[in-house]
Structures are given as structure tokens and as C-alpha cells.
Amino acid sequence: MKKFNTLLMGIIAVFFIANTNLSTISEGSAPHIEFKATSHDFGTIQQNGDGKFSFKFQNTGKEPLIIQNVRSSCGCTIAKKPSAPILPGESSEIDVKYDTRRIGGFHKNITITSNADNKSVVLHIKGVVKAKPKEEVPVKKVNKGFTPVAG
């Protein structure tokens, strides 16, 4: 019985050490996505104005980074992911476009999923879209005979 317990403890110790080493190696070599900023405030934008922004990021891991999915919180926000893997040390960006035809405040999220050790990252955009000022037609002065007056 004593030999059995010693053998069992030895097997458990070997299993524990092997798993600890494997997980440390795999965690240290995984890709890691690091964004310069995870939020952007457009401030006040005029209706039909520029609602584009690029979130820049770098793969600070040791394996190629693959962006698997980019999902926005609504159809008014479109995000585009890089199609090629991002090698260790390289940078890329997620391009985001908000539909500025909609008037009012907005706060939207874009969820990025990848093969990185931080598998899911949420980006945020916000701002306020103001209506375009109405164009006024210039009014010319006329005299009593309804002919335009210069000046």
C-alpha cells in the first residue's frame, strides 16, 4: 500500500509539473492584441459629416494574430478587420464608420474576437450628430415696381 501511495503521488506530481510548464509556455507564446486606445469621442459632428476612425493596434505576442470577427452593436456602425494575419511586432488597424445621417447622441461598441490570449476586446465610439443648418436663399431688395435694387 505504501508503494502504491508513493507511485500515485509521483504520477500526480509529474502530471502537475507537466501541465504547469505547458500552460506557461503556451501563455507566453500566444499572440496578444494591444490597442493604442479602446475608445474614441467624435465630439460634435455635423449631419452627413465624417464618422470614420481607425483604431490602431499591435501584436505584442510571439505568434501570428488572427482577427476572427468584428461585430458592432448596431447596423449604424460598420467595422472592417484586416484580412491577413498580423505577425509578432507588426501593427494594423480596425476601421470604423458611424452613419452620421442619424441626428442625436450615440454610444456604440465594437467587439473584436481573435486568437490572442485576450480573446475579446471591446472598442467604444461616442459623439453627437447635429442637424445641418438650413440654407437660406438670399433675398434681394426690390423697389415699388418689383425691380431688383442693386446693392
N, C-alpha and C. Protein backbone atom coordinates (compact mmCIF):
# COMPACT_ATOMS: atom_id res chain seq x y z
N MET A 1 0.82 -1.19 0.00
CA MET A 1 0.00 0.00 0.00
C MET A 1 0.87 1.26 0.00
N LYS A 2 1.97 1.22 0.75
CA LYS A 2 2.85 2.37 0.82
C LYS A 2 3.45 2.66 -0.56
N LYS A 3 3.83 1.60 -1.28
CA LYS A 3 4.39 1.77 -2.62
C LYS A 3 3.35 2.36 -3.57
N PHE A 4 2.12 1.92 -3.43
CA PHE A 4 1.04 2.43 -4.28
C PHE A 4 0.83 3.93 -4.05
N ASN A 5 0.79 4.35 -2.79
CA ASN A 5 0.63 5.78 -2.47
C ASN A 5 1.79 6.61 -3.01
N THR A 6 3.00 6.10 -2.87
CA THR A 6 4.18 6.80 -3.38
C THR A 6 4.10 6.92 -4.90
N LEU A 7 3.73 5.83 -5.55
CA LEU A 7 3.60 5.85 -7.01
C LEU A 7 2.52 6.84 -7.45
N LEU A 8 1.38 6.81 -6.77
CA LEU A 8 0.28 7.71 -7.09
C LEU A 8 0.71 9.17 -6.90
N MET A 9 1.39 9.47 -5.81
CA MET A 9 1.87 10.83 -5.57
C MET A 9 2.88 11.24 -6.63
N GLY A 10 3.71 10.33 -7.05
CA GLY A 10 4.70 10.61 -8.11
C GLY A 10 4.01 10.93 -9.42
N ILE A 11 2.99 10.16 -9.77
CA ILE A 11 2.24 10.39 -11.01
C ILE A 11 1.55 11.75 -10.96
N ILE A 12 0.93 12.07 -9.84
CA ILE A 12 0.25 13.36 -9.68
C ILE A 12 1.26 14.50 -9.79
N ALA A 13 2.43 14.36 -9.18
CA ALA A 13 3.46 15.41 -9.24
C ALA A 13 3.94 15.62 -10.67
N VAL A 14 4.21 14.52 -11.38
CA VAL A 14 4.66 14.63 -12.78
C VAL A 14 3.58 15.30 -13.63
N PHE A 15 2.33 14.90 -13.45
CA PHE A 15 1.22 15.48 -14.20
C PHE A 15 1.10 16.98 -13.91
N PHE A 16 1.21 17.37 -12.64
CA PHE A 16 1.10 18.78 -12.24
C PHE A 16 2.23 19.60 -12.85
N ILE A 17 3.46 19.11 -12.76
CA ILE A 17 4.63 19.84 -13.30
C ILE A 17 4.51 19.96 -14.82
N ALA A 18 4.11 18.89 -15.49
CA ALA A 18 3.98 18.92 -16.95
C ALA A 18 2.92 19.93 -17.37
N ASN A 19 1.78 19.94 -16.71
CA ASN A 19 0.71 20.89 -17.05
C ASN A 19 1.11 22.33 -16.76
N THR A 20 1.83 22.56 -15.67
CA THR A 20 2.27 23.91 -15.32
C THR A 20 3.23 24.42 -16.38
N ASN A 21 4.17 23.61 -16.81
CA ASN A 21 5.14 24.03 -17.81
C ASN A 21 4.48 24.28 -19.16
N LEU A 22 3.55 23.40 -19.56
CA LEU A 22 2.88 23.56 -20.85
C LEU A 22 2.04 24.82 -20.87
N SER A 23 1.31 25.09 -19.79
CA SER A 23 0.45 26.28 -19.79
C SER A 23 1.29 27.54 -19.77
N THR A 24 2.44 27.54 -19.08
CA THR A 24 3.31 28.71 -19.06
C THR A 24 3.88 28.96 -20.44
N ILE A 25 4.28 27.91 -21.12
CA ILE A 25 4.84 28.06 -22.46
C ILE A 25 3.76 28.57 -23.42
N SER A 26 2.58 27.97 -23.39
CA SER A 26 1.54 28.37 -24.34
C SER A 26 1.05 29.79 -24.07
N GLU A 27 0.96 30.20 -22.79
CA GLU A 27 0.52 31.56 -22.48
C GLU A 27 1.56 32.57 -22.94
N GLY A 28 2.83 32.28 -22.74
CA GLY A 28 3.90 33.22 -23.09
C GLY A 28 4.10 33.36 -24.58
N SER A 29 3.70 32.38 -25.36
CA SER A 29 3.95 32.45 -26.80
C SER A 29 2.72 32.83 -27.61
N ALA A 30 1.59 32.99 -26.96
CA ALA A 30 0.35 33.32 -27.67
C ALA A 30 0.42 34.74 -28.23
N PRO A 31 -0.35 35.02 -29.28
CA PRO A 31 -0.43 36.41 -29.74
C PRO A 31 -1.15 37.26 -28.69
N HIS A 32 -0.87 38.54 -28.69
CA HIS A 32 -1.53 39.46 -27.75
C HIS A 32 -1.86 40.74 -28.52
N ILE A 33 -3.13 41.13 -28.51
CA ILE A 33 -3.55 42.34 -29.22
C ILE A 33 -3.55 43.51 -28.23
N GLU A 34 -2.82 44.55 -28.60
CA GLU A 34 -2.71 45.73 -27.73
C GLU A 34 -3.09 46.97 -28.53
N PHE A 35 -4.21 47.60 -28.13
CA PHE A 35 -4.70 48.80 -28.81
C PHE A 35 -4.07 50.04 -28.20
N LYS A 36 -3.78 51.05 -29.06
CA LYS A 36 -3.29 52.34 -28.55
C LYS A 36 -4.38 53.01 -27.73
N ALA A 37 -5.64 52.88 -28.18
CA ALA A 37 -6.80 53.41 -27.46
C ALA A 37 -7.98 52.49 -27.76
N THR A 38 -8.85 52.30 -26.78
CA THR A 38 -10.02 51.45 -26.99
C THR A 38 -11.30 52.26 -27.06
N SER A 39 -11.19 53.59 -27.02
CA SER A 39 -12.38 54.43 -27.17
C SER A 39 -12.03 55.68 -27.97
N HIS A 40 -13.06 56.21 -28.63
CA HIS A 40 -12.89 57.44 -29.40
C HIS A 40 -14.15 58.29 -29.27
N ASP A 41 -13.94 59.56 -28.95
CA ASP A 41 -15.04 60.52 -28.84
C ASP A 41 -14.98 61.43 -30.06
N PHE A 42 -16.00 61.32 -30.92
CA PHE A 42 -16.07 62.17 -32.11
C PHE A 42 -16.41 63.62 -31.75
N GLY A 43 -16.92 63.83 -30.54
CA GLY A 43 -17.38 65.16 -30.17
C GLY A 43 -18.66 65.46 -30.93
N THR A 44 -18.78 66.68 -31.43
CA THR A 44 -19.96 67.06 -32.21
C THR A 44 -19.62 66.99 -33.69
N ILE A 45 -20.43 66.25 -34.41
CA ILE A 45 -20.25 66.08 -35.86
C ILE A 45 -21.48 66.65 -36.54
N GLN A 46 -21.26 67.29 -37.67
CA GLN A 46 -22.40 67.79 -38.43
C GLN A 46 -23.04 66.63 -39.19
N GLN A 47 -24.33 66.68 -39.36
CA GLN A 47 -25.07 65.65 -40.09
C GLN A 47 -24.41 65.41 -41.45
N ASN A 48 -24.27 64.14 -41.82
CA ASN A 48 -23.59 63.69 -43.04
C ASN A 48 -22.11 64.02 -43.04
N GLY A 49 -21.54 64.26 -41.86
CA GLY A 49 -20.12 64.56 -41.73
C GLY A 49 -19.29 63.27 -41.70
N ASP A 50 -18.01 63.44 -41.39
CA ASP A 50 -17.07 62.33 -41.38
C ASP A 50 -17.19 61.55 -40.07
N GLY A 51 -17.69 60.34 -40.14
CA GLY A 51 -17.84 59.49 -38.97
C GLY A 51 -16.86 58.34 -38.99
N LYS A 52 -15.65 58.56 -39.51
CA LYS A 52 -14.65 57.49 -39.64
C LYS A 52 -13.56 57.63 -38.60
N PHE A 53 -13.09 56.48 -38.10
CA PHE A 53 -11.96 56.45 -37.18
C PHE A 53 -11.27 55.10 -37.31
N SER A 54 -9.96 55.09 -37.15
CA SER A 54 -9.18 53.85 -37.20
C SER A 54 -8.55 53.59 -35.83
N PHE A 55 -8.90 52.43 -35.25
CA PHE A 55 -8.30 52.00 -34.00
C PHE A 55 -7.01 51.25 -34.33
N LYS A 56 -5.88 51.77 -33.91
CA LYS A 56 -4.59 51.17 -34.20
C LYS A 56 -4.22 50.17 -33.09
N PHE A 57 -3.64 49.04 -33.52
CA PHE A 57 -3.23 48.02 -32.55
C PHE A 57 -1.95 47.35 -33.02
N GLN A 58 -1.33 46.61 -32.09
CA GLN A 58 -0.10 45.89 -32.38
C GLN A 58 -0.19 44.49 -31.79
N ASN A 59 0.42 43.53 -32.47
CA ASN A 59 0.55 42.17 -31.93
C ASN A 59 1.83 42.15 -31.11
N THR A 60 1.69 42.17 -29.78
CA THR A 60 2.85 42.16 -28.90
C THR A 60 3.19 40.75 -28.42
N GLY A 61 2.52 39.75 -28.98
CA GLY A 61 2.79 38.36 -28.63
C GLY A 61 3.89 37.77 -29.50
N LYS A 62 4.02 36.45 -29.44
CA LYS A 62 5.09 35.76 -30.17
C LYS A 62 4.59 34.87 -31.30
N GLU A 63 3.29 34.89 -31.56
CA GLU A 63 2.67 34.10 -32.62
C GLU A 63 1.84 35.03 -33.50
N PRO A 64 1.54 34.64 -34.75
CA PRO A 64 0.68 35.48 -35.60
C PRO A 64 -0.71 35.67 -35.00
N LEU A 65 -1.21 36.89 -35.10
CA LEU A 65 -2.52 37.27 -34.60
C LEU A 65 -3.53 37.20 -35.72
N ILE A 66 -4.65 36.53 -35.49
CA ILE A 66 -5.71 36.42 -36.49
C ILE A 66 -6.98 37.02 -35.90
N ILE A 67 -7.46 38.10 -36.53
CA ILE A 67 -8.72 38.70 -36.11
C ILE A 67 -9.82 37.84 -36.72
N GLN A 68 -10.61 37.18 -35.87
CA GLN A 68 -11.62 36.25 -36.35
C GLN A 68 -12.94 36.93 -36.66
N ASN A 69 -13.31 37.93 -35.84
CA ASN A 69 -14.61 38.56 -36.03
C ASN A 69 -14.59 39.98 -35.49
N VAL A 70 -15.31 40.86 -36.17
CA VAL A 70 -15.51 42.23 -35.72
C VAL A 70 -17.01 42.46 -35.79
N ARG A 71 -17.63 42.74 -34.63
CA ARG A 71 -19.08 42.88 -34.57
C ARG A 71 -19.44 44.19 -33.88
N SER A 72 -20.30 44.98 -34.54
CA SER A 72 -20.73 46.24 -33.93
C SER A 72 -22.07 46.05 -33.24
N SER A 73 -22.39 46.96 -32.32
CA SER A 73 -23.60 46.83 -31.52
C SER A 73 -24.86 47.18 -32.30
N CYS A 74 -24.74 47.79 -33.47
CA CYS A 74 -25.92 48.05 -34.30
C CYS A 74 -25.51 48.24 -35.75
N GLY A 75 -26.49 48.29 -36.63
CA GLY A 75 -26.24 48.41 -38.05
C GLY A 75 -25.77 49.79 -38.49
N CYS A 76 -25.81 50.76 -37.59
CA CYS A 76 -25.38 52.12 -37.94
C CYS A 76 -23.86 52.26 -37.87
N THR A 77 -23.19 51.23 -37.39
CA THR A 77 -21.74 51.25 -37.26
C THR A 77 -21.15 50.09 -38.05
N ILE A 78 -20.23 50.39 -38.94
CA ILE A 78 -19.59 49.36 -39.75
C ILE A 78 -18.11 49.33 -39.38
N ALA A 79 -17.60 48.13 -39.11
CA ALA A 79 -16.19 47.97 -38.77
C ALA A 79 -15.55 46.99 -39.75
N LYS A 80 -14.32 47.30 -40.14
CA LYS A 80 -13.60 46.46 -41.10
C LYS A 80 -12.32 45.95 -40.44
N LYS A 81 -12.12 44.63 -40.53
CA LYS A 81 -10.95 44.00 -39.92
C LYS A 81 -9.88 43.71 -40.98
N PRO A 82 -8.64 43.59 -40.56
CA PRO A 82 -7.60 43.18 -41.52
C PRO A 82 -7.82 41.73 -41.92
N SER A 83 -7.57 41.41 -43.17
CA SER A 83 -7.82 40.05 -43.65
C SER A 83 -6.62 39.13 -43.43
N ALA A 84 -5.42 39.67 -43.42
CA ALA A 84 -4.22 38.85 -43.25
C ALA A 84 -3.82 38.77 -41.78
N PRO A 85 -3.15 37.68 -41.38
CA PRO A 85 -2.64 37.59 -40.01
C PRO A 85 -1.63 38.71 -39.74
N ILE A 86 -1.58 39.16 -38.49
CA ILE A 86 -0.63 40.20 -38.09
C ILE A 86 0.50 39.49 -37.36
N LEU A 87 1.68 39.59 -37.91
CA LEU A 87 2.84 38.89 -37.35
C LEU A 87 3.30 39.56 -36.06
N PRO A 88 4.05 38.83 -35.22
CA PRO A 88 4.54 39.42 -33.97
C PRO A 88 5.31 40.71 -34.22
N GLY A 89 4.98 41.73 -33.45
CA GLY A 89 5.64 43.03 -33.58
C GLY A 89 5.03 43.95 -34.61
N GLU A 90 4.16 43.42 -35.48
CA GLU A 90 3.55 44.24 -36.52
C GLU A 90 2.30 44.94 -36.00
N SER A 91 1.92 46.01 -36.71
CA SER A 91 0.74 46.80 -36.35
C SER A 91 -0.28 46.75 -37.47
N SER A 92 -1.51 47.04 -37.12
CA SER A 92 -2.59 47.14 -38.09
C SER A 92 -3.68 48.01 -37.47
N GLU A 93 -4.86 48.03 -38.10
CA GLU A 93 -5.95 48.85 -37.57
C GLU A 93 -7.31 48.27 -37.90
N ILE A 94 -8.28 48.65 -37.07
CA ILE A 94 -9.68 48.33 -37.28
C ILE A 94 -10.34 49.64 -37.70
N ASP A 95 -10.87 49.68 -38.93
CA ASP A 95 -11.53 50.88 -39.43
C ASP A 95 -13.00 50.85 -39.06
N VAL A 96 -13.48 51.95 -38.48
CA VAL A 96 -14.86 52.05 -38.01
C VAL A 96 -15.52 53.25 -38.69
N LYS A 97 -16.78 53.08 -39.12
CA LYS A 97 -17.52 54.17 -39.72
C LYS A 97 -18.92 54.21 -39.11
N TYR A 98 -19.26 55.38 -38.56
CA TYR A 98 -20.60 55.58 -37.99
C TYR A 98 -21.44 56.35 -39.00
N ASP A 99 -22.72 55.98 -39.12
CA ASP A 99 -23.64 56.62 -40.05
C ASP A 99 -24.09 57.96 -39.47
N THR A 100 -23.54 59.04 -39.98
CA THR A 100 -23.83 60.37 -39.44
C THR A 100 -25.10 61.00 -40.04
N ARG A 101 -25.92 60.21 -40.72
CA ARG A 101 -27.22 60.73 -41.16
C ARG A 101 -28.20 60.78 -40.01
N ARG A 102 -27.93 60.04 -38.96
CA ARG A 102 -28.81 59.96 -37.79
C ARG A 102 -28.46 61.10 -36.84
N ILE A 103 -29.44 61.90 -36.49
CA ILE A 103 -29.21 63.05 -35.61
C ILE A 103 -29.36 62.63 -34.16
N GLY A 104 -28.49 63.18 -33.29
CA GLY A 104 -28.57 62.91 -31.86
C GLY A 104 -27.29 62.28 -31.34
N GLY A 105 -27.30 61.99 -30.04
CA GLY A 105 -26.14 61.39 -29.40
C GLY A 105 -26.05 59.90 -29.71
N PHE A 106 -24.83 59.38 -29.66
CA PHE A 106 -24.63 57.95 -29.87
C PHE A 106 -23.49 57.44 -29.01
N HIS A 107 -23.58 56.19 -28.64
CA HIS A 107 -22.51 55.46 -27.94
C HIS A 107 -22.60 54.02 -28.42
N LYS A 108 -21.63 53.59 -29.18
CA LYS A 108 -21.66 52.26 -29.80
C LYS A 108 -20.43 51.45 -29.40
N ASN A 109 -20.58 50.13 -29.41
CA ASN A 109 -19.49 49.21 -29.09
C ASN A 109 -19.15 48.36 -30.30
N ILE A 110 -17.88 48.03 -30.42
CA ILE A 110 -17.39 47.13 -31.47
C ILE A 110 -16.60 46.05 -30.75
N THR A 111 -17.03 44.78 -30.90
CA THR A 111 -16.36 43.67 -30.22
C THR A 111 -15.43 42.97 -31.19
N ILE A 112 -14.17 42.85 -30.80
CA ILE A 112 -13.14 42.21 -31.61
C ILE A 112 -12.82 40.86 -30.98
N THR A 113 -12.93 39.78 -31.75
CA THR A 113 -12.52 38.46 -31.26
C THR A 113 -11.37 37.97 -32.12
N SER A 114 -10.40 37.32 -31.45
CA SER A 114 -9.19 36.89 -32.14
C SER A 114 -8.63 35.64 -31.46
N ASN A 115 -7.50 35.18 -31.97
CA ASN A 115 -6.82 34.04 -31.36
C ASN A 115 -5.82 34.49 -30.28
N ALA A 116 -5.89 35.74 -29.87
CA ALA A 116 -4.97 36.28 -28.87
C ALA A 116 -5.28 35.74 -27.48
N ASP A 117 -4.34 35.90 -26.57
CA ASP A 117 -4.59 35.47 -25.19
C ASP A 117 -5.69 36.34 -24.56
N ASN A 118 -5.85 37.56 -25.02
CA ASN A 118 -7.01 38.39 -24.63
C ASN A 118 -8.00 38.30 -25.80
N LYS A 119 -8.73 37.20 -25.83
CA LYS A 119 -9.57 36.81 -26.98
C LYS A 119 -10.59 37.83 -27.41
N SER A 120 -11.14 38.61 -26.49
CA SER A 120 -12.20 39.54 -26.82
C SER A 120 -11.85 40.94 -26.29
N VAL A 121 -11.90 41.92 -27.17
CA VAL A 121 -11.66 43.31 -26.79
C VAL A 121 -12.84 44.13 -27.29
N VAL A 122 -13.33 45.04 -26.46
CA VAL A 122 -14.46 45.89 -26.84
C VAL A 122 -13.96 47.31 -27.05
N LEU A 123 -14.25 47.85 -28.24
CA LEU A 123 -13.91 49.24 -28.58
C LEU A 123 -15.18 50.07 -28.44
N HIS A 124 -15.02 51.36 -28.14
CA HIS A 124 -16.16 52.24 -27.92
C HIS A 124 -16.03 53.50 -28.76
N ILE A 125 -17.14 53.93 -29.38
CA ILE A 125 -17.19 55.23 -30.03
C ILE A 125 -18.40 55.98 -29.49
N LYS A 126 -18.28 57.30 -29.44
CA LYS A 126 -19.40 58.11 -29.00
C LYS A 126 -19.30 59.49 -29.63
N GLY A 127 -20.40 60.21 -29.56
CA GLY A 127 -20.43 61.56 -30.10
C GLY A 127 -21.86 62.05 -30.22
N VAL A 128 -22.00 63.21 -30.83
CA VAL A 128 -23.31 63.82 -31.04
C VAL A 128 -23.35 64.31 -32.48
N VAL A 129 -24.42 63.94 -33.19
CA VAL A 129 -24.61 64.41 -34.57
C VAL A 129 -25.63 65.54 -34.53
N LYS A 130 -25.20 66.71 -35.01
CA LYS A 130 -26.08 67.89 -35.06
C LYS A 130 -26.63 68.04 -36.47
N ALA A 131 -27.87 68.51 -36.56
CA ALA A 131 -28.51 68.73 -37.86
C ALA A 131 -27.76 69.82 -38.62
N LYS A 132 -27.71 69.65 -39.93
CA LYS A 132 -27.11 70.68 -40.78
C LYS A 132 -27.94 71.95 -40.68
N PRO A 133 -27.29 73.10 -40.63
CA PRO A 133 -28.08 74.33 -40.63
C PRO A 133 -28.79 74.48 -41.98
N LYS A 134 -29.99 74.98 -41.92
CA LYS A 134 -30.76 75.15 -43.15
C LYS A 134 -30.17 76.30 -43.96
N GLU A 135 -30.07 76.06 -45.24
CA GLU A 135 -29.55 77.11 -46.12
C GLU A 135 -30.66 78.10 -46.41
N GLU A 136 -30.32 79.35 -46.29
CA GLU A 136 -31.30 80.39 -46.58
C GLU A 136 -31.04 80.94 -47.96
N VAL A 137 -32.10 81.17 -48.68
CA VAL A 137 -31.99 81.75 -50.00
C VAL A 137 -31.84 83.26 -49.82
N PRO A 138 -30.83 83.85 -50.44
CA PRO A 138 -30.66 85.30 -50.28
C PRO A 138 -31.87 86.06 -50.84
N VAL A 139 -32.29 87.05 -50.12
CA VAL A 139 -33.44 87.85 -50.53
C VAL A 139 -32.92 89.18 -51.05
N LYS A 140 -33.33 89.49 -52.28
CA LYS A 140 -32.91 90.76 -52.88
C LYS A 140 -33.96 91.81 -52.59
N LYS A 141 -33.47 93.03 -52.36
CA LYS A 141 -34.38 94.15 -52.15
C LYS A 141 -35.01 94.53 -53.48
N VAL A 142 -36.27 94.87 -53.41
CA VAL A 142 -36.97 95.32 -54.62
C VAL A 142 -37.63 96.68 -54.33
N ASN A 143 -37.77 97.48 -55.40
CA ASN A 143 -38.46 98.75 -55.22
C ASN A 143 -39.94 98.56 -55.48
N LYS A 144 -40.68 99.65 -55.47
CA LYS A 144 -42.12 99.55 -55.62
C LYS A 144 -42.55 98.92 -56.93
N GLY A 145 -41.77 99.03 -57.96
CA GLY A 145 -42.13 98.46 -59.25
C GLY A 145 -41.68 97.02 -59.38
N PHE A 146 -41.26 96.39 -58.29
CA PHE A 146 -40.79 95.00 -58.25
C PHE A 146 -39.58 94.73 -59.13
N THR A 147 -38.76 95.74 -59.27
CA THR A 147 -37.49 95.51 -59.96
C THR A 147 -36.38 95.47 -58.91
N PRO A 148 -35.44 94.55 -59.09
CA PRO A 148 -34.37 94.42 -58.09
C PRO A 148 -33.55 95.70 -57.98
N VAL A 149 -33.12 95.99 -56.76
CA VAL A 149 -32.29 97.14 -56.49
C VAL A 149 -30.88 96.63 -56.28
N ALA A 150 -29.90 97.25 -56.90
CA ALA A 150 -28.52 96.85 -56.75
C ALA A 150 -28.04 97.15 -55.34
N GLY A 151 -27.19 96.26 -54.84
CA GLY A 151 -26.54 96.56 -53.60
C GLY A 151 -27.00 95.86 -52.46
